[in-house]
Each structure stands twice: as C-alpha cells, then as structure tokens.
PDB file of N, CA and C in Angstrom:
ATOM      1  N   UNK A   1      -6.341-126.633 -33.502  1.00  0.00           N
ATOM      2  CA  UNK A   1      -7.099-126.181 -34.642  1.00  0.00           C
ATOM      3  C   UNK A   1      -7.188-127.330 -35.653  1.00  0.00           C
ATOM      4  N   UNK A   2      -8.362-127.936 -35.808  1.00  0.00           N
ATOM      5  CA  UNK A   2      -8.529-129.001 -36.803  1.00  0.00           C
ATOM      6  C   UNK A   2      -8.439-128.444 -38.223  1.00  0.00           C
ATOM      7  N   UNK A   3      -7.723-129.167 -39.062  1.00  0.00           N
ATOM      8  CA  UNK A   3      -7.609-128.808 -40.474  1.00  0.00           C
ATOM      9  C   UNK A   3      -7.987-130.040 -41.294  1.00  0.00           C
ATOM     10  N   UNK A   4      -8.949-129.879 -42.192  1.00  0.00           N
ATOM     11  CA  UNK A   4      -9.350-130.955 -43.100  1.00  0.00           C
ATOM     12  C   UNK A   4      -8.922-130.551 -44.501  1.00  0.00           C
ATOM     13  N   UNK A   5      -8.241-131.443 -45.178  1.00  0.00           N
ATOM     14  CA  UNK A   5      -7.828-131.187 -46.560  1.00  0.00           C
ATOM     15  C   UNK A   5      -8.510-132.211 -47.454  1.00  0.00           C
ATOM     16  N   UNK A   6      -9.268-131.723 -48.424  1.00  0.00           N
ATOM     17  CA  UNK A   6     -10.046-132.574 -49.314  1.00  0.00           C
ATOM     18  C   UNK A   6      -9.557-132.414 -50.743  1.00  0.00           C
ATOM     19  N   UNK A   7      -9.434-133.509 -51.435  1.00  0.00           N
ATOM     20  CA  UNK A   7      -9.118-133.482 -52.863  1.00  0.00           C
ATOM     21  C   UNK A   7     -10.351-133.958 -53.618  1.00  0.00           C
ATOM     22  N   UNK A   8     -10.811-133.124 -54.550  1.00  0.00           N
ATOM     23  CA  UNK A   8     -11.970-133.475 -55.359  1.00  0.00           C
ATOM     24  C   UNK A   8     -11.647-133.178 -56.820  1.00  0.00           C
ATOM     25  N   UNK A   9     -12.348-133.855 -57.720  1.00  0.00           N
ATOM     26  CA  UNK A   9     -12.170-133.566 -59.136  1.00  0.00           C
ATOM     27  C   UNK A   9     -12.783-132.215 -59.473  1.00  0.00           C
ATOM     28  N   UNK A  10     -12.146-131.506 -60.371  1.00  0.00           N
ATOM     29  CA  UNK A  10     -12.688-130.229 -60.834  1.00  0.00           C
ATOM     30  C   UNK A  10     -14.050-130.434 -61.462  1.00  0.00           C
ATOM     31  N   UNK A  11     -14.844-129.374 -61.435  1.00  0.00           N
ATOM     32  CA  UNK A  11     -16.122-129.418 -62.132  1.00  0.00           C
ATOM     33  C   UNK A  11     -17.317-129.067 -61.269  1.00  0.00           C
ATOM     34  N   UNK A  12     -17.083-128.834 -60.002  1.00  0.00           N
ATOM     35  CA  UNK A  12     -18.207-128.471 -59.139  1.00  0.00           C
ATOM     36  C   UNK A  12     -18.317-126.961 -59.038  1.00  0.00           C
ATOM     37  N   UNK A  13     -19.517-126.495 -58.789  1.00  0.00           N
ATOM     38  CA  UNK A  13     -19.754-125.054 -58.705  1.00  0.00           C
ATOM     39  C   UNK A  13     -19.212-124.503 -57.392  1.00  0.00           C
ATOM     40  N   UNK A  14     -19.023-123.199 -57.364  1.00  0.00           N
ATOM     41  CA  UNK A  14     -18.578-122.529 -56.135  1.00  0.00           C
ATOM     42  C   UNK A  14     -19.579-122.788 -55.005  1.00  0.00           C
ATOM     43  N   UNK A  15     -20.874-122.824 -55.352  1.00  0.00           N
ATOM     44  CA  UNK A  15     -21.915-123.084 -54.350  1.00  0.00           C
ATOM     45  C   UNK A  15     -21.772-124.494 -53.766  1.00  0.00           C
ATOM     46  N   UNK A  16     -21.517-125.479 -54.608  1.00  0.00           N
ATOM     47  CA  UNK A  16     -21.342-126.851 -54.121  1.00  0.00           C
ATOM     48  C   UNK A  16     -20.118-126.966 -53.213  1.00  0.00           C
ATOM     49  N   UNK A  17     -19.041-126.282 -53.577  1.00  0.00           N
ATOM     50  CA  UNK A  17     -17.843-126.321 -52.742  1.00  0.00           C
ATOM     51  C   UNK A  17     -18.102-125.635 -51.408  1.00  0.00           C
ATOM     52  N   UNK A  18     -18.819-124.523 -51.425  1.00  0.00           N
ATOM     53  CA  UNK A  18     -19.166-123.829 -50.176  1.00  0.00           C
ATOM     54  C   UNK A  18     -20.016-124.725 -49.280  1.00  0.00           C
ATOM     55  N   UNK A  19     -20.966-125.461 -49.874  1.00  0.00           N
ATOM     56  CA  UNK A  19     -21.798-126.394 -49.099  1.00  0.00           C
ATOM     57  C   UNK A  19     -20.953-127.513 -48.505  1.00  0.00           C
ATOM     58  N   UNK A  20     -19.984-128.008 -49.275  1.00  0.00           N
ATOM     59  CA  UNK A  20     -19.080-129.044 -48.785  1.00  0.00           C
ATOM     60  C   UNK A  20     -18.276-128.533 -47.597  1.00  0.00           C
ATOM     61  N   UNK A  21     -17.713-127.345 -47.723  1.00  0.00           N
ATOM     62  CA  UNK A  21     -16.933-126.761 -46.640  1.00  0.00           C
ATOM     63  C   UNK A  21     -17.787-126.619 -45.383  1.00  0.00           C
ATOM     64  N   UNK A  22     -19.009-126.162 -45.528  1.00  0.00           N
ATOM     65  CA  UNK A  22     -19.900-126.013 -44.379  1.00  0.00           C
ATOM     66  C   UNK A  22     -20.211-127.361 -43.744  1.00  0.00           C
ATOM     67  N   UNK A  23     -20.497-128.372 -44.566  1.00  0.00           N
ATOM     68  CA  UNK A  23     -20.842-129.694 -44.034  1.00  0.00           C
ATOM     69  C   UNK A  23     -19.659-130.339 -43.316  1.00  0.00           C
ATOM     70  N   UNK A  24     -18.463-130.208 -43.873  1.00  0.00           N
ATOM     71  CA  UNK A  24     -17.271-130.773 -43.231  1.00  0.00           C
ATOM     72  C   UNK A  24     -16.976-130.032 -41.926  1.00  0.00           C
ATOM     73  N   UNK A  25     -17.113-128.733 -41.954  1.00  0.00           N
ATOM     74  CA  UNK A  25     -16.924-127.944 -40.734  1.00  0.00           C
ATOM     75  C   UNK A  25     -17.886-128.400 -39.649  1.00  0.00           C
ATOM     76  N   UNK A  26     -19.136-128.587 -40.004  1.00  0.00           N
ATOM     77  CA  UNK A  26     -20.140-129.023 -39.027  1.00  0.00           C
ATOM     78  C   UNK A  26     -19.818-130.420 -38.501  1.00  0.00           C
ATOM     79  N   UNK A  27     -19.382-131.316 -39.367  1.00  0.00           N
ATOM     80  CA  UNK A  27     -19.037-132.680 -38.937  1.00  0.00           C
ATOM     81  C   UNK A  27     -17.877-132.661 -37.943  1.00  0.00           C
ATOM     82  N   UNK A  28     -16.877-131.858 -38.215  1.00  0.00           N
ATOM     83  CA  UNK A  28     -15.741-131.748 -37.290  1.00  0.00           C
ATOM     84  C   UNK A  28     -16.195-131.121 -35.980  1.00  0.00           C
ATOM     85  N   UNK A  29     -16.994-130.088 -36.078  1.00  0.00           N
ATOM     86  CA  UNK A  29     -17.523-129.423 -34.881  1.00  0.00           C
ATOM     87  C   UNK A  29     -18.294-130.414 -34.006  1.00  0.00           C
ATOM     88  N   UNK A  30     -19.162-131.211 -34.632  1.00  0.00           N
ATOM     89  CA  UNK A  30     -19.982-132.168 -33.880  1.00  0.00           C
ATOM     90  C   UNK A  30     -19.145-133.310 -33.302  1.00  0.00           C
ATOM     91  N   UNK A  31     -18.208-133.817 -34.063  1.00  0.00           N
ATOM     92  CA  UNK A  31     -17.461-134.997 -33.609  1.00  0.00           C
ATOM     93  C   UNK A  31     -16.338-134.666 -32.638  1.00  0.00           C
ATOM     94  N   UNK A  32     -15.706-133.516 -32.804  1.00  0.00           N
ATOM     95  CA  UNK A  32     -14.583-133.151 -31.935  1.00  0.00           C
ATOM     96  C   UNK A  32     -14.919-132.063 -30.923  1.00  0.00           C
ATOM     97  N   UNK A  33     -16.118-131.503 -31.050  1.00  0.00           N
ATOM     98  CA  UNK A  33     -16.550-130.393 -30.182  1.00  0.00           C
ATOM     99  C   UNK A  33     -15.607-129.206 -30.298  1.00  0.00           C
ATOM    100  N   UNK A  34     -15.004-129.055 -31.470  1.00  0.00           N
ATOM    101  CA  UNK A  34     -14.119-127.922 -31.728  1.00  0.00           C
ATOM    102  C   UNK A  34     -14.959-126.705 -32.093  1.00  0.00           C
ATOM    103  N   UNK A  35     -14.556-125.542 -31.634  1.00  0.00           N
ATOM    104  CA  UNK A  35     -15.276-124.328 -32.042  1.00  0.00           C
ATOM    105  C   UNK A  35     -15.193-124.160 -33.561  1.00  0.00           C
ATOM    106  N   UNK A  36     -16.319-123.819 -34.172  1.00  0.00           N
ATOM    107  CA  UNK A  36     -16.348-123.640 -35.631  1.00  0.00           C
ATOM    108  C   UNK A  36     -15.296-122.628 -36.086  1.00  0.00           C
ATOM    109  N   UNK A  37     -15.054-121.612 -35.277  1.00  0.00           N
ATOM    110  CA  UNK A  37     -14.089-120.568 -35.640  1.00  0.00           C
ATOM    111  C   UNK A  37     -12.663-121.098 -35.737  1.00  0.00           C
ATOM    112  N   UNK A  38     -12.396-122.238 -35.144  1.00  0.00           N
ATOM    113  CA  UNK A  38     -11.045-122.813 -35.158  1.00  0.00           C
ATOM    114  C   UNK A  38     -10.844-123.856 -36.247  1.00  0.00           C
ATOM    115  N   UNK A  39     -11.882-124.175 -36.998  1.00  0.00           N
ATOM    116  CA  UNK A  39     -11.817-125.252 -37.998  1.00  0.00           C
ATOM    117  C   UNK A  39     -11.463-124.667 -39.357  1.00  0.00           C
ATOM    118  N   UNK A  40     -10.522-125.334 -40.025  1.00  0.00           N
ATOM    119  CA  UNK A  40     -10.121-124.936 -41.368  1.00  0.00           C
ATOM    120  C   UNK A  40     -10.387-126.095 -42.327  1.00  0.00           C
ATOM    121  N   UNK A  41     -10.924-125.776 -43.494  1.00  0.00           N
ATOM    122  CA  UNK A  41     -11.169-126.779 -44.523  1.00  0.00           C
ATOM    123  C   UNK A  41     -10.521-126.281 -45.811  1.00  0.00           C
ATOM    124  N   UNK A  42      -9.633-127.107 -46.366  1.00  0.00           N
ATOM    125  CA  UNK A  42      -8.952-126.771 -47.609  1.00  0.00           C
ATOM    126  C   UNK A  42      -9.442-127.720 -48.697  1.00  0.00           C
ATOM    127  N   UNK A  43      -9.843-127.171 -49.823  1.00  0.00           N
ATOM    128  CA  UNK A  43     -10.341-127.986 -50.930  1.00  0.00           C
ATOM    129  C   UNK A  43      -9.397-127.833 -52.107  1.00  0.00           C
ATOM    130  N   UNK A  44      -8.797-128.939 -52.505  1.00  0.00           N
ATOM    131  CA  UNK A  44      -7.935-128.971 -53.680  1.00  0.00           C
ATOM    132  C   UNK A  44      -8.725-129.571 -54.828  1.00  0.00           C
ATOM    133  N   UNK A  45      -8.845-128.818 -55.922  1.00  0.00           N
ATOM    134  CA  UNK A  45      -9.517-129.330 -57.106  1.00  0.00           C
ATOM    135  C   UNK A  45      -8.470-129.896 -58.056  1.00  0.00           C
ATOM    136  N   UNK A  46      -8.661-131.144 -58.443  1.00  0.00           N
ATOM    137  CA  UNK A  46      -7.720-131.852 -59.295  1.00  0.00           C
ATOM    138  C   UNK A  46      -8.354-132.043 -60.675  1.00  0.00           C
ATOM    139  N   UNK A  47      -7.637-131.684 -61.740  1.00  0.00           N
ATOM    140  CA  UNK A  47      -8.186-131.930 -63.078  1.00  0.00           C
ATOM    141  C   UNK A  47      -8.433-133.418 -63.287  1.00  0.00           C
ATOM    142  N   UNK A  48      -9.488-133.750 -64.016  1.00  0.00           N
ATOM    143  CA  UNK A  48      -9.807-135.155 -64.276  1.00  0.00           C
ATOM    144  C   UNK A  48      -8.657-135.872 -64.991  1.00  0.00           C
ATOM    145  N   UNK A  49      -7.868-135.109 -65.735  1.00  0.00           N
ATOM    146  CA  UNK A  49      -6.726-135.701 -66.435  1.00  0.00           C
ATOM    147  C   UNK A  49      -5.586-136.065 -65.476  1.00  0.00           C
ATOM    148  N   UNK A  50      -5.674-135.614 -64.226  1.00  0.00           N
ATOM    149  CA  UNK A  50      -4.647-135.902 -63.215  1.00  0.00           C
ATOM    150  C   UNK A  50      -5.169-136.823 -62.121  1.00  0.00           C
ATOM    151  N   UNK A  51      -6.343-137.391 -62.295  1.00  0.00           N
ATOM    152  CA  UNK A  51      -6.977-138.256 -61.290  1.00  0.00           C
ATOM    153  C   UNK A  51      -6.995-139.673 -61.853  1.00  0.00           C
ATOM    154  N   UNK A  52      -6.219-140.569 -61.251  1.00  0.00           N
ATOM    155  CA  UNK A  52      -6.117-141.920 -61.770  1.00  0.00           C
ATOM    156  C   UNK A  52      -7.075-142.898 -61.108  1.00  0.00           C
ATOM    157  N   UNK A  53      -7.675-143.741 -61.919  1.00  0.00           N
ATOM    158  CA  UNK A  53      -8.580-144.791 -61.457  1.00  0.00           C
ATOM    159  C   UNK A  53      -8.236-146.054 -62.237  1.00  0.00           C
ATOM    160  N   UNK A  54      -7.748-147.049 -61.555  1.00  0.00           N
ATOM    161  CA  UNK A  54      -7.431-148.342 -62.197  1.00  0.00           C
ATOM    162  C   UNK A  54      -6.516-148.204 -63.413  1.00  0.00           C
ATOM    163  N   UNK A  55      -5.530-147.330 -63.313  1.00  0.00           N
ATOM    164  CA  UNK A  55      -4.563-147.178 -64.388  1.00  0.00           C
ATOM    165  C   UNK A  55      -4.982-146.260 -65.510  1.00  0.00           C
ATOM    166  N   UNK A  56      -6.143-145.656 -65.407  1.00  0.00           N
ATOM    167  CA  UNK A  56      -6.643-144.715 -66.416  1.00  0.00           C
ATOM    168  C   UNK A  56      -6.947-143.403 -65.730  1.00  0.00           C
ATOM    169  N   UNK A  57      -6.996-142.338 -66.516  1.00  0.00           N
ATOM    170  CA  UNK A  57      -7.411-141.051 -65.937  1.00  0.00           C
ATOM    171  C   UNK A  57      -8.933-141.003 -65.876  1.00  0.00           C
ATOM    172  N   UNK A  58      -9.430-140.201 -64.956  1.00  0.00           N
ATOM    173  CA  UNK A  58     -10.875-140.024 -64.862  1.00  0.00           C
ATOM    174  C   UNK A  58     -11.430-139.428 -66.155  1.00  0.00           C
ATOM    175  N   UNK A  59     -10.628-138.611 -66.802  1.00  0.00           N
ATOM    176  CA  UNK A  59     -11.042-138.030 -68.080  1.00  0.00           C
ATOM    177  C   UNK A  59     -11.242-139.124 -69.124  1.00  0.00           C
ATOM    178  N   UNK A  60     -10.284-140.067 -69.199  1.00  0.00           N
ATOM    179  CA  UNK A  60     -10.402-141.182 -70.144  1.00  0.00           C
ATOM    180  C   UNK A  60     -11.633-142.028 -69.859  1.00  0.00           C
ATOM    181  N   UNK A  61     -11.944-142.167 -68.578  1.00  0.00           N
ATOM    182  CA  UNK A  61     -13.066-143.011 -68.176  1.00  0.00           C
ATOM    183  C   UNK A  61     -14.402-142.278 -68.178  1.00  0.00           C
ATOM    184  N   UNK A  62     -14.368-140.983 -68.439  1.00  0.00           N
ATOM    185  CA  UNK A  62     -15.603-140.197 -68.452  1.00  0.00           C
ATOM    186  C   UNK A  62     -16.186-139.972 -67.069  1.00  0.00           C
ATOM    187  N   UNK A  63     -15.346-140.031 -66.042  1.00  0.00           N
ATOM    188  CA  UNK A  63     -15.798-139.841 -64.665  1.00  0.00           C
ATOM    189  C   UNK A  63     -16.041-138.375 -64.369  1.00  0.00           C
ATOM    190  N   UNK A  64     -17.014-138.124 -63.511  1.00  0.00           N
ATOM    191  CA  UNK A  64     -17.287-136.763 -63.064  1.00  0.00           C
ATOM    192  C   UNK A  64     -17.174-136.692 -61.558  1.00  0.00           C
TER     193      UNK A  64
END
C-alpha cells in the first residue's frame, strides 16, 4: 500500500487540497501501477510561522 505524505503551508482551500490528493493518487497509480483503492495520501498543513526558509519564517518573508 503506497503512502504519500505531503507537507504544505497553510492557506489553501479544501478544494485545492482535494485536487492535490487526487493528482498525487493518480501519479502513484500511473507510476507504480498500484490500485487507486490501495493508495493513501496524507497532507500536513504547516503554519507559515513554522516554515523556515533561509533562516526566516515564511510568514516573515511574506511567502504563500
């Protein structure tokens, strides 16, 4: 059972996350020929204040 775990910054809509899950599932299905029913995708949303880029937080840098 393939499991993909993704970390993304908070701020995306439920619809965007659902589209991401579908696209990752399809990519795994196509590349590994795994049945879609066996694929799991976990999305962890990280606050921008907890996402570091070059020694600064994404919040400090205005990243989205």
